[in-house]
Amino acid sequence: MIAIDDVLLSDEIVTTKFVCNLDACHGACCWEGDGGAPLLEKEVATIESVWDKVAPMLSEESRKTVEKNGFSAYYNEGELLGTPLVKNGACAYLIWDGKGIGKCSFEKAFEEGITDWPKPISCHLYPIRVRYLKNGTEAWNYSRWNICAPACKNGKKLNVPLYKFLKRAIVRAKGRKFYKMLEACAEGVE
């Protein structure tokens, strides 16, 4: 276990090798699972503010789902706020590229300079999942899922630890100083 400021990180975040391989998994983390991607309360307002820019990218089913049910939904008996899902269980904000790979509409809008928001932080940090504890501490854990087996294989081949693959997301979530401290801690764990 690694402790930095108010964050407890599992050792797997520095010991697991991981590099997404979208050609192999087709973005399955955006359309598999039991609930939507976790959202922070403030992210719901952000989604609402970029909706008019992102909505044209979405399928009709996705637009109708959001317009009918709202920008977010509750899962796990009301304990988890997340992205809404369409009937087949995919994230309502999912789009498909020409190769059949599921991608995030928010990320596409960001990459094209349409918005200044990349995507929900839980999606950016995935496969790290963050639990917010009652005492104000954050628990960061590696979420092992069989759909990410190609990413683990790719990470081993390229010898890239998970925390290095997620550097931009970690810096976005906690800042450069935090990431530098994580790098220093990782040297003792790797």
C-alpha atoms as a PDB file:
ATOM      1  CA  MET A   1       0.000   0.000   0.000  1.00  0.00           C
ATOM      2  CA  ILE A   2       1.277   3.462  -0.908  1.00  0.00           C
ATOM      3  CA  ALA A   3       0.104   6.565   0.975  1.00  0.00           C
ATOM      4  CA  ILE A   4       0.464  10.007  -0.615  1.00  0.00           C
ATOM      5  CA  ASP A   5      -1.342  12.960   0.937  1.00  0.00           C
ATOM      6  CA  ASP A   6      -5.006  11.896   1.291  1.00  0.00           C
ATOM      7  CA  VAL A   7      -4.713   8.965  -1.131  1.00  0.00           C
ATOM      8  CA  LEU A   8      -4.073   5.285  -0.437  1.00  0.00           C
ATOM      9  CA  LEU A   9      -2.941   3.434  -3.570  1.00  0.00           C
ATOM     10  CA  SER A  10      -2.739  -0.329  -3.972  1.00  0.00           C
ATOM     11  CA  ASP A  11       0.692  -1.661  -4.911  1.00  0.00           C
ATOM     12  CA  GLU A  12      -0.855  -3.138  -8.077  1.00  0.00           C
ATOM     13  CA  ILE A  13      -1.018   0.371  -9.539  1.00  0.00           C
ATOM     14  CA  VAL A  14       2.771   0.366  -9.781  1.00  0.00           C
ATOM     15  CA  THR A  15       3.413  -3.365 -10.237  1.00  0.00           C
ATOM     16  CA  THR A  16       0.819  -4.171 -12.926  1.00  0.00           C
ATOM     17  CA  LYS A  17       1.942  -3.716 -16.518  1.00  0.00           C
ATOM     18  CA  PHE A  18      -0.829  -2.156 -18.604  1.00  0.00           C
ATOM     19  CA  VAL A  19      -1.278  -0.354 -21.940  1.00  0.00           C
ATOM     20  CA  CYS A  20      -4.750  -0.234 -23.513  1.00  0.00           C
ATOM     21  CA  ASN A  21      -5.074  -2.157 -26.758  1.00  0.00           C
ATOM     22  CA  LEU A  22      -8.288  -0.874 -28.340  1.00  0.00           C
ATOM     23  CA  ASP A  23      -7.792  -3.013 -31.437  1.00  0.00           C
ATOM     24  CA  ALA A  24      -8.161  -6.075 -29.190  1.00  0.00           C
ATOM     25  CA  CYS A  25     -10.823  -5.011 -26.673  1.00  0.00           C
ATOM     26  CA  HIS A  26     -12.761  -2.546 -28.876  1.00  0.00           C
ATOM     27  CA  GLY A  27     -13.333  -0.230 -25.888  1.00  0.00           C
ATOM     28  CA  ALA A  28     -15.370  -2.836 -24.013  1.00  0.00           C
ATOM     29  CA  CYS A  29     -15.049  -0.945 -20.710  1.00  0.00           C
ATOM     30  CA  CYS A  30     -17.494   1.604 -22.199  1.00  0.00           C
ATOM     31  CA  TRP A  31     -20.171  -0.946 -23.066  1.00  0.00           C
ATOM     32  CA  GLU A  32     -19.758  -3.846 -20.607  1.00  0.00           C
ATOM     33  CA  GLY A  33     -20.618  -3.964 -16.924  1.00  0.00           C
ATOM     34  CA  ASP A  34     -23.503  -3.549 -14.517  1.00  0.00           C
ATOM     35  CA  GLY A  35     -23.673   0.235 -14.282  1.00  0.00           C
ATOM     36  CA  GLY A  36     -22.486   3.446 -15.826  1.00  0.00           C
ATOM     37  CA  ALA A  37     -19.053   4.925 -15.269  1.00  0.00           C
ATOM     38  CA  PRO A  38     -18.818   6.621 -11.860  1.00  0.00           C
ATOM     39  CA  LEU A  39     -19.359  10.392 -11.890  1.00  0.00           C
ATOM     40  CA  LEU A  40     -18.562  13.137  -9.412  1.00  0.00           C
ATOM     41  CA  GLU A  41     -21.487  15.472  -8.649  1.00  0.00           C
ATOM     42  CA  LYS A  42     -19.653  18.399 -10.275  1.00  0.00           C
ATOM     43  CA  GLU A  43     -19.170  16.373 -13.468  1.00  0.00           C
ATOM     44  CA  VAL A  44     -22.928  16.179 -14.021  1.00  0.00           C
ATOM     45  CA  ALA A  45     -23.016  19.980 -14.369  1.00  0.00           C
ATOM     46  CA  THR A  46     -20.051  19.795 -16.750  1.00  0.00           C
ATOM     47  CA  ILE A  47     -21.829  17.199 -18.888  1.00  0.00           C
ATOM     48  CA  GLU A  48     -24.886  19.441 -18.995  1.00  0.00           C
ATOM     49  CA  SER A  49     -22.732  22.400 -20.084  1.00  0.00           C
ATOM     50  CA  VAL A  50     -21.163  20.482 -23.011  1.00  0.00           C
ATOM     51  CA  TRP A  51     -24.301  18.544 -23.982  1.00  0.00           C
ATOM     52  CA  ASP A  52     -25.200  20.667 -27.022  1.00  0.00           C
ATOM     53  CA  LYS A  53     -21.694  20.135 -28.425  1.00  0.00           C
ATOM     54  CA  VAL A  54     -21.588  16.385 -27.793  1.00  0.00           C
ATOM     55  CA  ALA A  55     -25.197  15.393 -28.549  1.00  0.00           C
ATOM     56  CA  PRO A  56     -24.797  15.559 -32.367  1.00  0.00           C
ATOM     57  CA  MET A  57     -22.078  12.868 -32.160  1.00  0.00           C
ATOM     58  CA  LEU A  58     -24.364  10.407 -30.389  1.00  0.00           C
ATOM     59  CA  SER A  59     -26.799   7.861 -31.745  1.00  0.00           C
ATOM     60  CA  GLU A  60     -30.488   8.695 -31.643  1.00  0.00           C
ATOM     61  CA  GLU A  61     -30.978   6.075 -28.917  1.00  0.00           C
ATOM     62  CA  SER A  62     -28.262   7.675 -26.780  1.00  0.00           C
ATOM     63  CA  ARG A  63     -29.681  11.189 -27.208  1.00  0.00           C
ATOM     64  CA  LYS A  64     -33.196  10.017 -26.350  1.00  0.00           C
ATOM     65  CA  THR A  65     -31.928   8.114 -23.299  1.00  0.00           C
ATOM     66  CA  VAL A  66     -30.187  11.201 -21.921  1.00  0.00           C
ATOM     67  CA  GLU A  67     -33.068  13.526 -22.789  1.00  0.00           C
ATOM     68  CA  LYS A  68     -35.562  11.190 -21.084  1.00  0.00           C
ATOM     69  CA  ASN A  69     -33.533  10.066 -18.053  1.00  0.00           C
ATOM     70  CA  GLY A  70     -31.050  12.878 -17.462  1.00  0.00           C
ATOM     71  CA  PHE A  71     -27.287  13.342 -17.661  1.00  0.00           C
ATOM     72  CA  SER A  72     -26.587  10.773 -14.929  1.00  0.00           C
ATOM     73  CA  ALA A  73     -28.162   7.827 -13.131  1.00  0.00           C
ATOM     74  CA  TYR A  74     -27.865   6.155  -9.744  1.00  0.00           C
ATOM     75  CA  TYR A  75     -26.711   2.553  -9.417  1.00  0.00           C
ATOM     76  CA  ASN A  76     -26.074   0.116  -6.593  1.00  0.00           C
ATOM     77  CA  GLU A  77     -29.278   1.022  -4.748  1.00  0.00           C
ATOM     78  CA  GLY A  78     -28.605   4.732  -5.025  1.00  0.00           C
ATOM     79  CA  GLU A  79     -25.033   4.594  -3.730  1.00  0.00           C
ATOM     80  CA  LEU A  80     -23.213   5.243  -7.013  1.00  0.00           C
ATOM     81  CA  LEU A  81     -23.740   8.170  -9.373  1.00  0.00           C
ATOM     82  CA  GLY A  82     -22.794   7.258 -12.926  1.00  0.00           C
ATOM     83  CA  THR A  83     -23.314   7.776 -16.622  1.00  0.00           C
ATOM     84  CA  PRO A  84     -26.694   6.687 -17.999  1.00  0.00           C
ATOM     85  CA  LEU A  85     -26.920   3.485 -20.023  1.00  0.00           C
ATOM     86  CA  VAL A  86     -28.830   2.672 -23.199  1.00  0.00           C
ATOM     87  CA  LYS A  87     -30.924  -0.524 -23.428  1.00  0.00           C
ATOM     88  CA  ASN A  88     -28.010  -2.821 -24.358  1.00  0.00           C
ATOM     89  CA  GLY A  89     -26.024  -1.637 -21.312  1.00  0.00           C
ATOM     90  CA  ALA A  90     -23.578   0.638 -23.143  1.00  0.00           C
ATOM     91  CA  CYS A  91     -22.729   4.086 -21.817  1.00  0.00           C
ATOM     92  CA  ALA A  92     -25.088   6.632 -23.371  1.00  0.00           C
ATOM     93  CA  TYR A  93     -22.065   8.799 -24.241  1.00  0.00           C
ATOM     94  CA  LEU A  94     -20.396   6.026 -26.271  1.00  0.00           C
ATOM     95  CA  ILE A  95     -19.718   6.476 -29.982  1.00  0.00           C
ATOM     96  CA  TRP A  96     -18.278   4.021 -32.510  1.00  0.00           C
ATOM     97  CA  ASP A  97     -15.420   4.686 -34.879  1.00  0.00           C
ATOM     98  CA  GLY A  98     -15.114   3.251 -38.390  1.00  0.00           C
ATOM     99  CA  LYS A  99     -13.289   0.151 -37.075  1.00  0.00           C
ATOM    100  CA  GLY A 100     -16.028  -0.831 -34.622  1.00  0.00           C
ATOM    101  CA  ILE A 101     -14.164   0.494 -31.598  1.00  0.00           C
ATOM    102  CA  GLY A 102     -16.207   2.136 -28.860  1.00  0.00           C
ATOM    103  CA  LYS A 103     -14.924   5.541 -27.810  1.00  0.00           C
ATOM    104  CA  CYS A 104     -15.976   8.384 -25.551  1.00  0.00           C
ATOM    105  CA  SER A 105     -17.877  11.244 -27.184  1.00  0.00           C
ATOM    106  CA  PHE A 106     -16.507  13.665 -24.579  1.00  0.00           C
ATOM    107  CA  GLU A 107     -12.949  12.645 -25.425  1.00  0.00           C
ATOM    108  CA  LYS A 108     -13.595  13.037 -29.158  1.00  0.00           C
ATOM    109  CA  ALA A 109     -15.040  16.527 -28.618  1.00  0.00           C
ATOM    110  CA  PHE A 110     -12.011  17.416 -26.469  1.00  0.00           C
ATOM    111  CA  GLU A 111      -9.509  16.075 -29.022  1.00  0.00           C
ATOM    112  CA  GLU A 112     -11.235  18.044 -31.786  1.00  0.00           C
ATOM    113  CA  GLY A 113     -11.091  21.269 -29.736  1.00  0.00           C
ATOM    114  CA  ILE A 114     -14.872  21.457 -29.404  1.00  0.00           C
ATOM    115  CA  THR A 115     -14.763  21.383 -25.580  1.00  0.00           C
ATOM    116  CA  ASP A 116     -12.112  21.810 -22.902  1.00  0.00           C
ATOM    117  CA  TRP A 117     -13.206  18.778 -20.850  1.00  0.00           C
ATOM    118  CA  PRO A 118     -11.632  15.409 -21.714  1.00  0.00           C
ATOM    119  CA  LYS A 119     -14.093  13.012 -20.020  1.00  0.00           C
ATOM    120  CA  PRO A 120     -15.185  11.919 -16.535  1.00  0.00           C
ATOM    121  CA  ILE A 121     -12.174  11.421 -14.289  1.00  0.00           C
ATOM    122  CA  SER A 122     -13.216   7.831 -13.482  1.00  0.00           C
ATOM    123  CA  CYS A 123     -13.011   6.992 -17.195  1.00  0.00           C
ATOM    124  CA  HIS A 124      -9.687   8.794 -17.571  1.00  0.00           C
ATOM    125  CA  LEU A 125      -8.213   6.886 -14.614  1.00  0.00           C
ATOM    126  CA  TYR A 126      -9.605   3.492 -15.615  1.00  0.00           C
ATOM    127  CA  PRO A 127      -8.634   0.738 -14.707  1.00  0.00           C
ATOM    128  CA  ILE A 128      -7.938   2.553 -11.452  1.00  0.00           C
ATOM    129  CA  ARG A 129     -11.135   2.862  -9.434  1.00  0.00           C
ATOM    130  CA  VAL A 130     -11.380   5.481  -6.705  1.00  0.00           C
ATOM    131  CA  ARG A 131     -13.422   5.018  -3.524  1.00  0.00           C
ATOM    132  CA  TYR A 132     -14.086   8.129  -1.488  1.00  0.00           C
ATOM    133  CA  LEU A 133     -13.992   7.190   2.187  1.00  0.00           C
ATOM    134  CA  LYS A 134     -15.977   8.962   4.921  1.00  0.00           C
ATOM    135  CA  ASN A 135     -12.808  10.314   6.555  1.00  0.00           C
ATOM    136  CA  GLY A 136     -11.876  12.204   3.359  1.00  0.00           C
ATOM    137  CA  THR A 137      -9.310   9.659   2.214  1.00  0.00           C
ATOM    138  CA  GLU A 138      -9.362   8.303  -1.323  1.00  0.00           C
ATOM    139  CA  ALA A 139      -8.658   4.603  -1.902  1.00  0.00           C
ATOM    140  CA  TRP A 140      -7.217   3.933  -5.376  1.00  0.00           C
ATOM    141  CA  ASN A 141      -7.332   0.317  -6.516  1.00  0.00           C
ATOM    142  CA  TYR A 142      -6.563  -1.503  -9.722  1.00  0.00           C
ATOM    143  CA  SER A 143      -9.800  -2.961 -11.092  1.00  0.00           C
ATOM    144  CA  ARG A 144      -8.867  -6.307 -12.618  1.00  0.00           C
ATOM    145  CA  TRP A 145     -11.296  -7.260 -15.404  1.00  0.00           C
ATOM    146  CA  ASN A 146     -10.882  -9.999 -18.006  1.00  0.00           C
ATOM    147  CA  ILE A 147     -11.768  -7.616 -20.855  1.00  0.00           C
ATOM    148  CA  CYS A 148      -8.482  -5.835 -20.108  1.00  0.00           C
ATOM    149  CA  ALA A 149      -6.338  -8.962 -20.579  1.00  0.00           C
ATOM    150  CA  PRO A 150      -5.048  -7.601 -23.936  1.00  0.00           C
ATOM    151  CA  ALA A 151      -3.966  -4.405 -22.149  1.00  0.00           C
ATOM    152  CA  CYS A 152      -2.039  -6.398 -19.552  1.00  0.00           C
ATOM    153  CA  LYS A 153      -0.373  -8.443 -22.283  1.00  0.00           C
ATOM    154  CA  ASN A 154       0.500  -5.243 -24.165  1.00  0.00           C
ATOM    155  CA  GLY A 155       1.822  -3.605 -20.985  1.00  0.00           C
ATOM    156  CA  LYS A 156       4.077  -6.593 -20.288  1.00  0.00           C
ATOM    157  CA  LYS A 157       5.344  -6.573 -23.862  1.00  0.00           C
ATOM    158  CA  LEU A 158       6.121  -2.838 -23.678  1.00  0.00           C
ATOM    159  CA  ASN A 159       7.180  -3.002 -19.990  1.00  0.00           C
ATOM    160  CA  VAL A 160       4.924  -0.082 -18.989  1.00  0.00           C
ATOM    161  CA  PRO A 161       3.507   0.026 -15.448  1.00  0.00           C
ATOM    162  CA  LEU A 162      -0.121   1.090 -15.047  1.00  0.00           C
ATOM    163  CA  TYR A 163       0.733   4.354 -13.270  1.00  0.00           C
ATOM    164  CA  LYS A 164       2.991   5.420 -16.155  1.00  0.00           C
ATOM    165  CA  PHE A 165       0.330   4.563 -18.734  1.00  0.00           C
ATOM    166  CA  LEU A 166      -2.125   6.722 -16.756  1.00  0.00           C
ATOM    167  CA  LYS A 167       0.267   9.620 -16.107  1.00  0.00           C
ATOM    168  CA  ARG A 168      -1.927  12.275 -17.798  1.00  0.00           C
ATOM    169  CA  ALA A 169      -5.013  11.103 -15.928  1.00  0.00           C
ATOM    170  CA  ILE A 170      -3.223  10.973 -12.571  1.00  0.00           C
ATOM    171  CA  VAL A 171      -1.759  14.452 -13.105  1.00  0.00           C
ATOM    172  CA  ARG A 172      -5.217  15.718 -14.075  1.00  0.00           C
ATOM    173  CA  ALA A 173      -6.734  14.182 -10.926  1.00  0.00           C
ATOM    174  CA  LYS A 174      -4.067  15.062  -8.358  1.00  0.00           C
ATOM    175  CA  GLY A 175      -1.408  17.298  -9.925  1.00  0.00           C
ATOM    176  CA  ARG A 176       2.232  16.984 -10.988  1.00  0.00           C
ATOM    177  CA  LYS A 177       3.612  17.030  -7.445  1.00  0.00           C
ATOM    178  CA  PHE A 178       1.453  14.028  -6.544  1.00  0.00           C
ATOM    179  CA  TYR A 179       2.630  12.151  -9.636  1.00  0.00           C
ATOM    180  CA  LYS A 180       6.292  12.872  -8.827  1.00  0.00           C
ATOM    181  CA  MET A 181       5.746  11.481  -5.317  1.00  0.00           C
ATOM    182  CA  LEU A 182       4.083   8.399  -6.817  1.00  0.00           C
ATOM    183  CA  GLU A 183       7.084   7.894  -9.121  1.00  0.00           C
ATOM    184  CA  ALA A 184       9.430   8.070  -6.133  1.00  0.00           C
ATOM    185  CA  CYS A 185       7.326   5.591  -4.152  1.00  0.00           C
ATOM    186  CA  ALA A 186       7.089   3.259  -7.152  1.00  0.00           C
ATOM    187  CA  GLU A 187      10.864   2.832  -7.245  1.00  0.00           C
ATOM    188  CA  GLY A 188      10.665   1.062  -3.894  1.00  0.00           C
ATOM    189  CA  VAL A 189       7.775  -1.192  -4.944  1.00  0.00           C
ATOM    190  CA  GLU A 190       8.422  -2.136  -8.608  1.00  0.00           C
END
